[in-house]
Amino acid sequence: MVFQYRRKWSIINLTAVYISILFHQSNSFSIPVVRTIKWPICREQTIPPISKIILLRPNTFCLHSKNLDDEFSLIETPETILNGISPNLKQSRNDGTNVEEADGKKAVYTLFILTFFIASLAALDRVAMSIAILPISKEFGLSDSVKGQISSVFSIGYGLGAIPSGLLVAVFRPRYIMAVGVAFWSFATIATPLTANLIQSDALWPTAAVATVATNIAPLLSIRAVMGLAESVVLPSIQRIISVWVDPEKKSLAIATVFGAFNSGTMLAYLISPGLLEEFGWRNMFYLYGAAGLILLVPWVLFTQDTPYTPNSLDPSILPAAINDDEHAEDGDFWEKLADLRNNTPWKEMYKSPAILAMTAAHAANNWGLYNSLAWTPTFYSEQYGLNVRDSALLSITPSIAGALGGVLAGFTADRLLAEGGWDRTTVRKIFQGISLLGSAACLLTLSNHIPEKASTAQALLTAAVGLQAFNAAGYGAANQEKAGEKWSGLLYSLTSLPGVAFGTLGVYATGRLLDLTGQDWSIVYGLTASINIVGVIPFLIWFDGKKEFD
């Protein structure tokens, strides 16, 4: 049955059903079924007059009758993410019915705009070091190996925080977890120049290949690791937020938009950092970026919410027990929640799933290329073509633009194929993941075969590689939402990303070592990345399936 009428609360979780509510001036209203996907078409049902409509959570409305013993619930699926989680529920009735308005549109705009800004800031703060490393290495005499350590230690901290972050967002409000992460990485950004000032440069023999050697870099490495640890909460929190707020047929586009935010932050870092370096110096640049994060915390804490309903408008005593307990889960005992996680988390099932292993392999291959691109692209232009900081950074902007556009295009197209084309979900994910890694590999192999004499030609190949790689938003990126339910989506992302983080971190460090050992031969670097892309996509094409496993 699509609609249930009982003497007590009932929550109907039929998210595939589309209905419309037609209010009349009479003392009743009807609920005709407009479209049913999985359930048989039902006849219209007429129910007694109501006194209020409350949006409890995505797609779930509760109707409260004037007769307090009569309570109902039903589901209405939103049309789009940005058009609001619910229709405007504010109505005027001649019989005096008061229908509460759940302002879903305002809430979803606020949440996703601020989420976009936070994701962009996370990328900006991370990528800033790849630009600042050029004047820092010149000032302190850093070798490529040391630069690789500084760039890769961020990812070590990120990897250490991945699983704990996924567990935390499973039981606590992701809004609060995100706020703590933003605060910590902003303070770490501010502390970056303070710890860099502690580096000491010791002179070597004049005939040595490296004239100086940097010592006492441990404080800088430690603060960069703390920054990575704090940023590890971003994607698990966003995964949980999307699982709560976004309809299944819109999740590819939602994930692509988030990934686009990271590309936007990367582009912004390449665009404004050189000017800040020249005008204020690299130290003040980090101070400004850290302050921006602390400022962004204010609207995030004040104006966002974890679910589409407005808690202040509800009386907890009239809510169904399941809803009330779920929305106020953070009020329980902290250690009880951790014990519950330890006992109920489906660790074995996740580790044994071939589809999860396939997602992990694709994620790892993607991270090798992504981390190297973020850490080394400006250095490539500087070393290969002798460009200054500003020109190297400007050439690095176009790949980020291509990444943002490519991800959104992939997400939009995948959603259309699933919603309107009737394509199989597994097939769609495999196609887009194949385009992502194999298309990127083709561009990098071309670059590896012959490093172009013109920087603009190399820029075009790197731009195409990043733009195609962004198609993973409709591959393993969106697949995470489909394999896990609301509770475990953040944890599953953390679980599949942890090996990827470790692999990407190894890639950044290994690139520095390769450059030192080969006399800065970038063809080997890009050839290796292309080979890893090809190897990483094979398990995904063989083992992945789109069936939900962890609800």
Protein backbone atom coordinates (compact mmCIF):
# COMPACT_ATOMS: atom_id res chain seq x y z
CA MET A 1 0.00 0.00 0.00
CA VAL A 2 1.29 3.44 -0.88
CA PHE A 3 -0.52 5.28 1.91
CA GLN A 4 -1.32 3.97 5.36
CA TYR A 5 -3.90 5.25 7.81
CA ARG A 6 -3.54 4.02 11.38
CA ARG A 7 -4.51 5.11 14.86
CA LYS A 8 -0.84 5.59 15.68
CA TRP A 9 2.21 7.01 13.95
CA SER A 10 3.44 5.13 10.90
CA ILE A 11 6.44 6.02 8.72
CA ILE A 12 6.26 4.85 5.11
CA ASN A 13 9.66 4.52 3.50
CA LEU A 14 8.62 4.18 -0.11
CA THR A 15 11.03 6.63 -1.73
CA ALA A 16 10.16 5.43 -5.24
CA VAL A 17 6.59 6.74 -5.04
CA TYR A 18 5.56 10.10 -6.50
CA ILE A 19 2.35 11.60 -5.13
CA SER A 20 0.63 14.95 -5.07
CA ILE A 21 -1.49 16.44 -2.33
CA LEU A 22 -4.63 18.23 -3.49
CA PHE A 23 -6.16 20.46 -0.84
CA HIS A 24 -9.85 21.26 -1.08
CA GLN A 25 -12.14 23.62 0.78
CA SER A 26 -14.02 20.64 2.14
CA ASN A 27 -13.18 18.80 5.33
CA SER A 28 -11.11 16.20 3.56
CA PHE A 29 -8.47 15.93 0.87
CA SER A 30 -7.46 13.16 -1.49
CA ILE A 31 -4.10 11.66 -2.34
CA PRO A 32 -4.05 10.42 -5.92
CA VAL A 33 -1.08 8.32 -6.98
CA VAL A 34 0.55 9.99 -9.97
CA ARG A 35 3.34 7.52 -10.65
CA THR A 36 4.43 4.30 -9.03
CA ILE A 37 7.71 2.57 -9.87
CA LYS A 38 7.97 -0.40 -7.55
CA TRP A 39 4.53 -0.56 -5.99
CA PRO A 40 1.13 -1.27 -7.60
CA ILE A 41 -1.11 1.66 -8.41
CA CYS A 42 -3.56 2.26 -5.58
CA ARG A 43 -6.93 3.92 -5.54
CA GLU A 44 -7.40 7.36 -4.07
CA GLN A 45 -7.90 7.43 -0.35
CA THR A 46 -9.74 10.14 1.53
CA ILE A 47 -8.80 10.93 5.11
CA PRO A 48 -10.23 13.24 7.79
CA PRO A 49 -9.22 16.93 8.06
CA ILE A 50 -5.72 17.66 9.23
CA SER A 51 -4.32 20.27 11.59
CA LYS A 52 -0.65 20.30 10.59
CA ILE A 53 1.89 18.90 8.15
CA ILE A 54 5.44 18.41 9.38
CA LEU A 55 8.49 17.51 7.31
CA LEU A 56 10.36 14.99 9.44
CA ARG A 57 13.23 14.02 7.16
CA PRO A 58 13.92 13.80 3.42
CA ASN A 59 10.83 12.63 1.57
CA THR A 60 8.86 11.99 4.78
CA PHE A 61 5.87 14.08 5.85
CA CYS A 62 3.65 13.44 8.84
CA LEU A 63 0.02 14.54 8.79
CA HIS A 64 -1.60 15.27 12.13
CA SER A 65 -5.39 15.11 12.31
CA LYS A 66 -7.62 17.36 14.40
CA ASN A 67 -8.58 14.20 16.14
CA LEU A 68 -5.35 13.62 18.07
CA ASP A 69 -5.80 9.88 17.83
CA ASP A 70 -5.59 9.99 14.04
CA GLU A 71 -2.06 10.39 12.70
CA PHE A 72 -0.72 9.68 9.25
CA SER A 73 2.50 9.70 7.30
CA LEU A 74 3.39 9.69 3.63
CA ILE A 75 6.23 10.44 1.27
CA GLU A 76 6.71 13.00 -1.47
CA THR A 77 9.87 12.87 -3.58
CA PRO A 78 11.49 16.25 -4.40
CA GLU A 79 11.99 17.20 -8.03
CA THR A 80 15.57 18.43 -7.73
CA ILE A 81 18.19 19.05 -5.11
CA LEU A 82 18.22 22.81 -5.47
CA ASN A 83 14.48 23.25 -5.98
CA GLY A 84 13.92 22.26 -2.39
CA ILE A 85 13.59 19.11 -0.39
CA SER A 86 9.86 19.69 -0.04
CA PRO A 87 7.18 21.73 -1.76
CA ASN A 88 5.95 24.86 -0.08
CA LEU A 89 3.66 23.45 2.58
CA LYS A 90 2.22 26.77 3.68
CA GLN A 91 -1.52 26.70 3.00
CA SER A 92 -4.53 28.72 4.01
CA ARG A 93 -7.72 26.86 4.86
CA ASN A 94 -11.17 28.36 5.50
CA ASP A 95 -11.77 25.82 8.22
CA GLY A 96 -8.81 27.17 10.21
CA THR A 97 -6.31 24.40 9.51
CA ASN A 98 -2.78 25.50 10.40
CA VAL A 99 -0.24 23.86 8.09
CA GLU A 100 3.36 24.36 9.23
CA GLU A 101 5.85 25.29 6.54
CA ALA A 102 9.05 23.26 6.40
CA ASP A 103 11.32 25.65 4.53
CA GLY A 104 13.26 22.98 2.66
CA LYS A 105 14.33 25.22 -0.19
CA LYS A 106 16.06 27.76 2.06
CA ALA A 107 17.69 25.02 4.11
CA VAL A 108 19.05 23.12 1.12
CA TYR A 109 20.42 26.25 -0.53
CA THR A 110 22.15 27.30 2.67
CA LEU A 111 23.60 23.87 3.36
CA PHE A 112 24.92 23.16 -0.12
CA ILE A 113 26.32 26.64 -0.72
CA LEU A 114 28.26 26.54 2.55
CA THR A 115 29.32 22.95 1.86
CA PHE A 116 30.64 24.09 -1.53
CA PHE A 117 32.60 26.89 0.14
CA ILE A 118 34.09 24.56 2.74
CA ALA A 119 35.13 21.99 0.14
CA SER A 120 36.68 24.78 -1.94
CA LEU A 121 38.54 26.14 1.08
CA ALA A 122 39.84 22.67 1.93
CA ALA A 123 41.33 22.35 -1.55
CA LEU A 124 42.69 25.91 -1.50
CA ASP A 125 44.47 25.41 1.83
CA ARG A 126 45.94 22.12 0.65
CA VAL A 127 47.09 23.30 -2.77
CA ALA A 128 48.57 26.51 -1.39
CA MET A 129 51.62 24.57 -0.27
CA SER A 130 52.33 23.34 -3.82
CA ILE A 131 52.70 27.00 -4.81
CA ALA A 132 54.40 28.26 -1.66
CA ILE A 133 56.89 25.38 -1.80
CA LEU A 134 58.72 27.19 -4.63
CA PRO A 135 59.75 30.27 -2.57
CA ILE A 136 60.09 28.14 0.57
CA SER A 137 62.51 25.74 -1.12
CA LYS A 138 64.48 28.66 -2.50
CA GLU A 139 64.70 30.32 0.91
CA PHE A 140 65.69 27.19 2.81
CA GLY A 141 67.46 25.24 0.07
CA LEU A 142 65.10 22.25 -0.09
CA SER A 143 65.75 19.32 -2.42
CA ASP A 144 62.99 17.63 -4.43
CA SER A 145 62.99 14.76 -1.92
CA VAL A 146 62.35 17.14 0.99
CA LYS A 147 59.66 18.93 -1.02
CA GLY A 148 58.07 15.54 -1.60
CA GLN A 149 58.07 14.87 2.15
CA ILE A 150 56.39 18.19 2.89
CA SER A 151 53.76 17.60 0.23
CA SER A 152 53.09 13.97 1.14
CA VAL A 153 52.91 14.29 4.93
CA PHE A 154 49.56 16.06 4.58
CA SER A 155 48.19 12.86 3.07
CA ILE A 156 49.62 10.77 5.91
CA GLY A 157 47.57 12.78 8.39
CA TYR A 158 44.58 12.55 6.08
CA GLY A 159 44.90 8.78 5.95
CA LEU A 160 45.18 8.45 9.72
CA GLY A 161 41.93 10.37 10.14
CA ALA A 162 39.93 8.71 7.37
CA ILE A 163 38.42 5.77 9.27
CA PRO A 164 37.81 7.66 12.57
CA SER A 165 36.07 10.41 10.58
CA GLY A 166 33.83 7.89 8.86
CA LEU A 167 32.89 6.36 12.20
CA LEU A 168 32.21 9.72 13.83
CA VAL A 169 29.81 10.90 11.11
CA ALA A 170 27.95 7.59 11.40
CA VAL A 171 26.72 8.42 14.91
CA PHE A 172 27.22 12.15 15.44
CA ARG A 173 25.90 15.12 13.55
CA PRO A 174 28.11 15.71 10.50
CA ARG A 175 27.57 19.44 10.85
CA TYR A 176 29.48 19.44 14.15
CA ILE A 177 32.17 17.07 12.90
CA MET A 178 32.74 19.35 9.92
CA ALA A 179 32.96 22.43 12.16
CA VAL A 180 35.66 20.84 14.33
CA GLY A 181 37.62 19.85 11.23
CA VAL A 182 37.47 23.35 9.72
CA ALA A 183 38.64 24.89 12.99
CA PHE A 184 41.61 22.57 13.37
CA TRP A 185 42.86 22.80 9.79
CA SER A 186 42.48 26.59 9.83
CA PHE A 187 44.67 26.83 12.93
CA ALA A 188 47.13 24.42 11.30
CA THR A 189 47.25 26.65 8.21
CA ILE A 190 48.07 29.64 10.40
CA ALA A 191 50.77 27.61 12.16
CA THR A 192 52.42 26.51 8.89
CA PRO A 193 54.74 29.55 8.47
CA LEU A 194 55.51 29.53 12.19
CA THR A 195 56.86 26.00 11.98
CA ALA A 196 58.57 26.65 8.64
CA ASN A 197 60.61 29.39 10.31
CA LEU A 198 62.23 26.70 12.43
CA ILE A 199 63.87 25.04 9.39
CA GLN A 200 67.65 25.32 9.37
CA SER A 201 69.80 25.21 6.23
CA ASP A 202 73.28 23.74 6.67
CA ALA A 203 75.87 24.46 3.96
CA LEU A 204 77.62 21.55 2.25
CA TRP A 205 80.80 21.46 0.19
CA PRO A 206 80.58 23.87 -2.76
CA THR A 207 81.09 21.00 -5.19
CA ALA A 208 78.17 18.98 -3.84
CA ALA A 209 75.13 18.43 -6.06
CA VAL A 210 73.01 20.14 -3.41
CA ALA A 211 74.63 23.21 -1.86
CA THR A 212 72.61 23.05 1.37
CA VAL A 213 70.68 20.49 3.37
CA ALA A 214 67.59 21.40 5.39
CA THR A 215 67.30 20.20 8.97
CA ASN A 216 64.69 20.54 11.71
CA ILE A 217 61.79 20.13 9.30
CA ALA A 218 59.89 17.91 11.79
CA PRO A 219 57.73 20.76 13.19
CA LEU A 220 56.56 21.71 9.71
CA LEU A 221 55.90 18.09 8.80
CA SER A 222 53.90 17.63 12.03
CA ILE A 223 51.65 20.63 11.47
CA ARG A 224 51.00 19.60 7.87
CA ALA A 225 50.01 16.14 9.15
CA VAL A 226 47.61 17.75 11.64
CA MET A 227 46.12 19.75 8.79
CA GLY A 228 45.58 16.57 6.77
CA LEU A 229 44.03 14.86 9.80
CA ALA A 230 41.54 17.72 10.20
CA GLU A 231 40.64 17.81 6.49
CA SER A 232 39.88 14.08 6.56
CA VAL A 233 36.42 14.88 7.98
CA VAL A 234 35.29 16.79 4.90
CA LEU A 235 34.35 14.07 2.43
CA PRO A 236 32.87 11.58 4.97
CA SER A 237 30.72 14.42 6.34
CA ILE A 238 29.63 15.45 2.85
CA GLN A 239 28.86 11.84 1.93
CA ARG A 240 26.59 11.58 4.98
CA ILE A 241 24.94 14.92 4.20
CA ILE A 242 24.24 13.88 0.60
CA SER A 243 22.82 10.54 1.72
CA VAL A 244 20.32 12.39 3.94
CA TRP A 245 19.39 15.30 1.68
CA VAL A 246 19.63 14.05 -1.91
CA ASP A 247 17.40 11.71 -3.88
CA PRO A 248 19.04 8.60 -5.39
CA GLU A 249 18.48 9.81 -8.97
CA LYS A 250 20.34 13.06 -8.23
CA LYS A 251 23.38 11.74 -6.38
CA SER A 252 25.77 11.58 -9.32
CA LEU A 253 25.29 15.29 -9.91
CA ALA A 254 25.54 16.06 -6.19
CA ILE A 255 28.84 14.17 -5.88
CA ALA A 256 30.13 15.84 -9.04
CA THR A 257 29.25 19.25 -7.62
CA VAL A 258 31.23 18.50 -4.48
CA PHE A 259 34.21 17.32 -6.50
CA GLY A 260 33.77 20.46 -8.58
CA ALA A 261 34.12 22.48 -5.40
CA PHE A 262 37.52 20.90 -4.79
CA ASN A 263 38.54 21.79 -8.32
CA SER A 264 37.25 25.32 -7.81
CA GLY A 265 39.34 25.65 -4.66
CA THR A 266 42.37 24.35 -6.52
CA MET A 267 41.77 26.82 -9.34
CA LEU A 268 41.36 29.66 -6.83
CA ALA A 269 44.63 28.71 -5.13
CA TYR A 270 46.50 28.83 -8.44
CA LEU A 271 44.79 32.09 -9.38
CA ILE A 272 45.25 34.23 -6.27
CA SER A 273 48.20 32.68 -4.44
CA PRO A 274 50.92 34.05 -6.75
CA GLY A 275 49.61 37.58 -6.29
CA LEU A 276 49.45 37.15 -2.52
CA LEU A 277 52.99 35.76 -2.51
CA GLU A 278 54.34 38.74 -4.42
CA GLU A 279 52.36 41.33 -2.48
CA PHE A 280 52.47 39.99 1.08
CA GLY A 281 54.91 37.06 1.10
CA TRP A 282 54.21 33.37 1.53
CA ARG A 283 53.91 33.61 5.32
CA ASN A 284 51.07 36.13 5.23
CA MET A 285 49.34 34.09 2.55
CA PHE A 286 48.94 31.20 4.99
CA TYR A 287 47.71 33.58 7.70
CA LEU A 288 45.01 34.91 5.35
CA TYR A 289 43.86 31.46 4.30
CA GLY A 290 43.66 30.26 7.90
CA ALA A 291 41.64 33.32 8.92
CA ALA A 292 39.22 32.70 6.04
CA GLY A 293 38.45 29.25 7.45
CA LEU A 294 37.71 30.61 10.91
CA ILE A 295 35.39 33.23 9.42
CA LEU A 296 33.54 30.57 7.38
CA LEU A 297 32.86 28.67 10.59
CA VAL A 298 30.41 31.33 11.77
CA PRO A 299 27.69 30.88 9.10
CA TRP A 300 28.27 27.11 9.05
CA VAL A 301 27.50 26.76 12.75
CA LEU A 302 24.64 29.28 12.77
CA PHE A 303 22.73 28.54 9.57
CA THR A 304 23.11 24.87 8.64
CA GLN A 305 21.21 21.84 9.83
CA ASP A 306 21.69 18.10 9.53
CA THR A 307 18.19 17.24 8.32
CA PRO A 308 15.63 19.09 6.20
CA TYR A 309 13.14 19.60 9.01
CA THR A 310 13.33 22.45 11.50
CA PRO A 311 13.78 20.99 15.01
CA ASN A 312 12.60 24.14 16.82
CA SER A 313 9.16 23.88 15.24
CA LEU A 314 8.54 20.35 16.48
CA ASP A 315 7.36 18.96 19.75
CA PRO A 316 9.50 15.84 20.36
CA SER A 317 6.67 14.24 22.27
CA ILE A 318 4.52 13.93 19.13
CA LEU A 319 7.29 12.49 16.95
CA PRO A 320 7.49 8.79 16.22
CA ALA A 321 10.02 7.06 18.44
CA ALA A 322 12.24 6.04 15.51
CA ILE A 323 12.46 9.61 14.23
CA ASN A 324 12.91 11.15 17.64
CA ASP A 325 15.67 8.74 18.62
CA ASP A 326 17.48 9.13 15.31
CA GLU A 327 17.46 12.92 15.22
CA HIS A 328 18.61 13.23 18.82
CA ALA A 329 21.17 10.43 18.68
CA GLU A 330 23.97 12.70 19.79
CA ASP A 331 22.30 13.15 23.19
CA GLY A 332 23.23 9.61 24.21
CA ASP A 333 26.31 8.35 25.95
CA PHE A 334 29.47 8.75 23.89
CA TRP A 335 31.02 5.44 24.92
CA GLU A 336 27.78 3.55 24.32
CA LYS A 337 27.81 4.83 20.76
CA LEU A 338 31.38 3.71 20.25
CA ALA A 339 30.52 0.28 21.65
CA ASP A 340 27.55 0.10 19.29
CA LEU A 341 29.82 0.94 16.37
CA ARG A 342 32.29 -1.72 17.39
CA ASN A 343 29.58 -4.37 17.57
CA ASN A 344 27.43 -3.42 14.59
CA THR A 345 29.77 -2.01 11.96
CA PRO A 346 29.83 -4.43 8.99
CA TRP A 347 33.62 -4.59 8.76
CA LYS A 348 33.89 -8.15 7.45
CA GLU A 349 31.19 -7.67 4.85
CA MET A 350 32.87 -4.53 3.55
CA TYR A 351 36.30 -6.10 3.37
CA LYS A 352 35.01 -9.22 1.62
CA SER A 353 32.86 -7.44 -0.96
CA PRO A 354 34.37 -7.68 -4.49
CA ALA A 355 32.57 -4.47 -5.46
CA ILE A 356 34.15 -2.57 -2.54
CA LEU A 357 37.58 -3.92 -3.49
CA ALA A 358 36.96 -2.71 -7.05
CA MET A 359 36.01 0.75 -5.79
CA THR A 360 39.11 0.82 -3.61
CA ALA A 361 41.39 -0.03 -6.54
CA ALA A 362 39.86 2.72 -8.70
CA HIS A 363 40.09 5.19 -5.83
CA ALA A 364 43.77 4.34 -5.27
CA ALA A 365 44.65 4.77 -8.94
CA ASN A 366 42.81 8.08 -9.03
CA ASN A 367 44.61 9.35 -5.93
CA TRP A 368 48.06 8.58 -7.32
CA GLY A 369 47.40 10.92 -10.23
CA LEU A 370 45.38 13.46 -8.24
CA TYR A 371 47.91 13.88 -5.43
CA ASN A 372 50.80 14.19 -7.86
CA SER A 373 48.88 16.75 -9.89
CA LEU A 374 48.14 18.87 -6.81
CA ALA A 375 51.65 18.63 -5.41
CA TRP A 376 53.89 18.74 -8.48
CA THR A 377 52.21 20.53 -11.41
CA PRO A 378 53.62 24.02 -10.66
CA THR A 379 57.05 22.45 -10.06
CA PHE A 380 56.82 20.67 -13.43
CA TYR A 381 56.33 23.97 -15.25
CA SER A 382 59.05 25.62 -13.20
CA GLU A 383 61.68 22.90 -13.71
CA GLN A 384 60.80 21.83 -17.25
CA TYR A 385 60.21 25.27 -18.78
CA GLY A 386 61.97 27.63 -16.36
CA LEU A 387 58.80 29.56 -15.50
CA ASN A 388 58.38 31.74 -12.42
CA VAL A 389 55.85 31.13 -9.63
CA ARG A 390 53.07 33.23 -11.18
CA ASP A 391 53.34 31.72 -14.66
CA SER A 392 53.62 28.16 -13.29
CA ALA A 393 50.49 28.67 -11.18
CA LEU A 394 48.51 30.25 -14.01
CA LEU A 395 49.24 27.31 -16.31
CA SER A 396 47.94 25.02 -13.55
CA ILE A 397 44.50 26.67 -13.51
CA THR A 398 43.02 25.16 -16.68
CA PRO A 399 43.20 21.53 -15.47
CA SER A 400 41.15 22.53 -12.42
CA ILE A 401 38.55 24.21 -14.63
CA ALA A 402 38.39 21.10 -16.79
CA GLY A 403 38.06 18.93 -13.69
CA ALA A 404 35.11 20.93 -12.36
CA LEU A 405 33.30 20.97 -15.71
CA GLY A 406 34.09 17.34 -16.51
CA GLY A 407 32.75 16.14 -13.18
CA VAL A 408 29.48 18.06 -13.48
CA LEU A 409 29.01 16.88 -17.07
CA ALA A 410 29.61 13.28 -16.04
CA GLY A 411 27.25 13.51 -13.07
CA PHE A 412 24.48 15.14 -15.08
CA THR A 413 24.79 12.66 -17.94
CA ALA A 414 24.88 9.64 -15.63
CA ASP A 415 21.75 10.81 -13.78
CA ARG A 416 19.91 11.29 -17.07
CA LEU A 417 20.90 7.83 -18.29
CA LEU A 418 19.65 6.27 -15.07
CA ALA A 419 16.45 8.30 -14.71
CA GLU A 420 15.31 8.62 -18.31
CA GLY A 421 17.35 6.21 -20.39
CA GLY A 422 16.64 3.16 -18.29
CA TRP A 423 20.31 2.18 -18.18
CA ASP A 424 21.56 -0.38 -15.71
CA ARG A 425 23.30 1.28 -12.74
CA THR A 426 26.27 -1.07 -12.85
CA THR A 427 26.86 -0.41 -16.54
CA VAL A 428 26.72 3.37 -16.09
CA ARG A 429 29.27 3.33 -13.26
CA LYS A 430 31.66 1.13 -15.23
CA ILE A 431 31.44 3.30 -18.34
CA PHE A 432 32.21 6.52 -16.52
CA GLN A 433 34.97 5.02 -14.40
CA GLY A 434 36.53 3.58 -17.55
CA ILE A 435 36.44 6.97 -19.25
CA SER A 436 37.99 8.51 -16.15
CA LEU A 437 41.08 6.33 -15.77
CA LEU A 438 41.64 5.13 -19.34
CA GLY A 439 41.05 8.55 -20.87
CA SER A 440 43.43 10.16 -18.42
CA ALA A 441 46.01 7.44 -19.07
CA ALA A 442 45.90 8.10 -22.82
CA CYS A 443 46.70 11.79 -22.28
CA LEU A 444 49.53 11.06 -19.84
CA LEU A 445 51.08 8.42 -22.12
CA THR A 446 51.13 10.98 -24.90
CA LEU A 447 52.88 13.44 -22.60
CA SER A 448 55.28 10.78 -21.37
CA ASN A 449 56.25 9.67 -24.86
CA HIS A 450 57.55 13.14 -25.65
CA ILE A 451 57.58 16.14 -23.32
CA PRO A 452 56.50 19.02 -25.60
CA GLU A 453 58.82 21.90 -26.26
CA LYS A 454 56.02 24.38 -25.59
CA ALA A 455 54.49 24.67 -22.13
CA SER A 456 51.08 25.34 -23.67
CA THR A 457 51.07 21.92 -25.35
CA ALA A 458 51.87 20.19 -22.08
CA GLN A 459 49.16 22.28 -20.44
CA ALA A 460 46.59 21.06 -22.99
CA LEU A 461 47.43 17.41 -22.32
CA LEU A 462 47.33 17.85 -18.54
CA THR A 463 44.04 19.72 -18.84
CA ALA A 464 42.48 16.90 -20.85
CA ALA A 465 43.83 14.31 -18.39
CA VAL A 466 42.29 16.04 -15.36
CA GLY A 467 39.02 16.76 -17.17
CA LEU A 468 38.59 13.10 -18.10
CA GLN A 469 39.72 11.88 -14.69
CA ALA A 470 36.90 13.93 -13.13
CA PHE A 471 34.42 11.48 -14.69
CA ASN A 472 35.06 9.33 -11.62
CA ALA A 473 32.34 11.44 -9.95
CA ALA A 474 29.87 9.25 -11.85
CA GLY A 475 32.02 6.16 -11.26
CA TYR A 476 33.28 5.11 -7.85
CA GLY A 477 32.34 8.53 -6.40
CA ALA A 478 28.59 8.06 -6.82
CA ALA A 479 28.81 4.29 -6.32
CA ASN A 480 29.62 4.86 -2.66
CA GLN A 481 26.13 6.33 -2.15
CA GLU A 482 24.53 3.33 -3.82
CA LYS A 483 26.43 0.62 -1.96
CA ALA A 484 25.69 1.98 1.52
CA GLY A 485 22.67 3.47 3.27
CA GLU A 486 22.51 6.74 5.16
CA LYS A 487 24.37 5.54 8.25
CA TRP A 488 27.36 3.88 6.59
CA SER A 489 27.92 6.09 3.54
CA GLY A 490 30.59 8.21 5.26
CA LEU A 491 32.37 5.17 6.69
CA LEU A 492 32.33 3.33 3.36
CA TYR A 493 33.90 6.32 1.65
CA SER A 494 36.58 6.43 4.35
CA LEU A 495 37.20 2.71 4.01
CA THR A 496 37.67 2.85 0.25
CA SER A 497 39.70 6.06 0.43
CA LEU A 498 42.21 4.96 3.09
CA PRO A 499 44.27 2.70 0.77
CA GLY A 500 43.92 5.41 -1.88
CA VAL A 501 45.27 8.04 0.49
CA ALA A 502 48.23 5.84 1.37
CA PHE A 503 48.87 5.08 -2.29
CA GLY A 504 48.56 8.73 -3.30
CA THR A 505 50.92 9.75 -0.50
CA LEU A 506 53.44 7.19 -1.70
CA GLY A 507 53.05 8.63 -5.20
CA VAL A 508 53.94 12.16 -4.10
CA TYR A 509 57.02 10.98 -2.21
CA ALA A 510 58.06 8.56 -4.98
CA THR A 511 57.81 11.35 -7.55
CA GLY A 512 60.26 13.45 -5.59
CA ARG A 513 62.70 10.54 -5.35
CA LEU A 514 62.33 9.75 -9.06
CA LEU A 515 63.06 13.34 -10.00
CA ASP A 516 66.20 13.39 -7.85
CA LEU A 517 67.43 10.05 -9.21
CA THR A 518 66.68 10.73 -12.88
CA GLY A 519 67.79 14.34 -13.10
CA GLN A 520 64.21 15.64 -13.24
CA ASP A 521 62.97 13.36 -16.01
CA TRP A 522 59.23 14.04 -16.01
CA SER A 523 58.47 11.53 -18.77
CA ILE A 524 59.03 8.69 -16.29
CA VAL A 525 56.69 10.34 -13.77
CA TYR A 526 53.79 10.67 -16.21
CA GLY A 527 54.37 7.26 -17.77
CA LEU A 528 54.18 5.62 -14.34
CA THR A 529 50.95 7.46 -13.51
CA ALA A 530 49.36 6.33 -16.78
CA SER A 531 50.29 2.69 -16.10
CA ILE A 532 48.75 2.85 -12.62
CA ASN A 533 45.51 4.23 -14.08
CA ILE A 534 45.27 1.29 -16.47
CA VAL A 535 45.93 -1.28 -13.77
CA GLY A 536 43.52 0.41 -11.33
CA VAL A 537 40.50 0.39 -13.65
CA ILE A 538 40.64 -3.35 -14.41
CA PRO A 539 39.16 -4.58 -11.07
CA PHE A 540 36.37 -2.01 -11.32
CA LEU A 541 35.37 -3.14 -14.79
CA ILE A 542 35.37 -6.79 -13.70
CA TRP A 543 33.97 -6.86 -10.15
CA PHE A 544 31.86 -3.78 -9.53
CA ASP A 545 28.08 -4.03 -9.26
CA GLY A 546 25.56 -1.36 -8.27
CA LYS A 547 23.51 -3.33 -5.75
CA LYS A 548 23.17 -1.91 -2.24
CA GLU A 549 24.98 -4.02 0.35
CA PHE A 550 25.14 -1.99 3.57
CA ASP A 551 21.93 -0.30 4.67
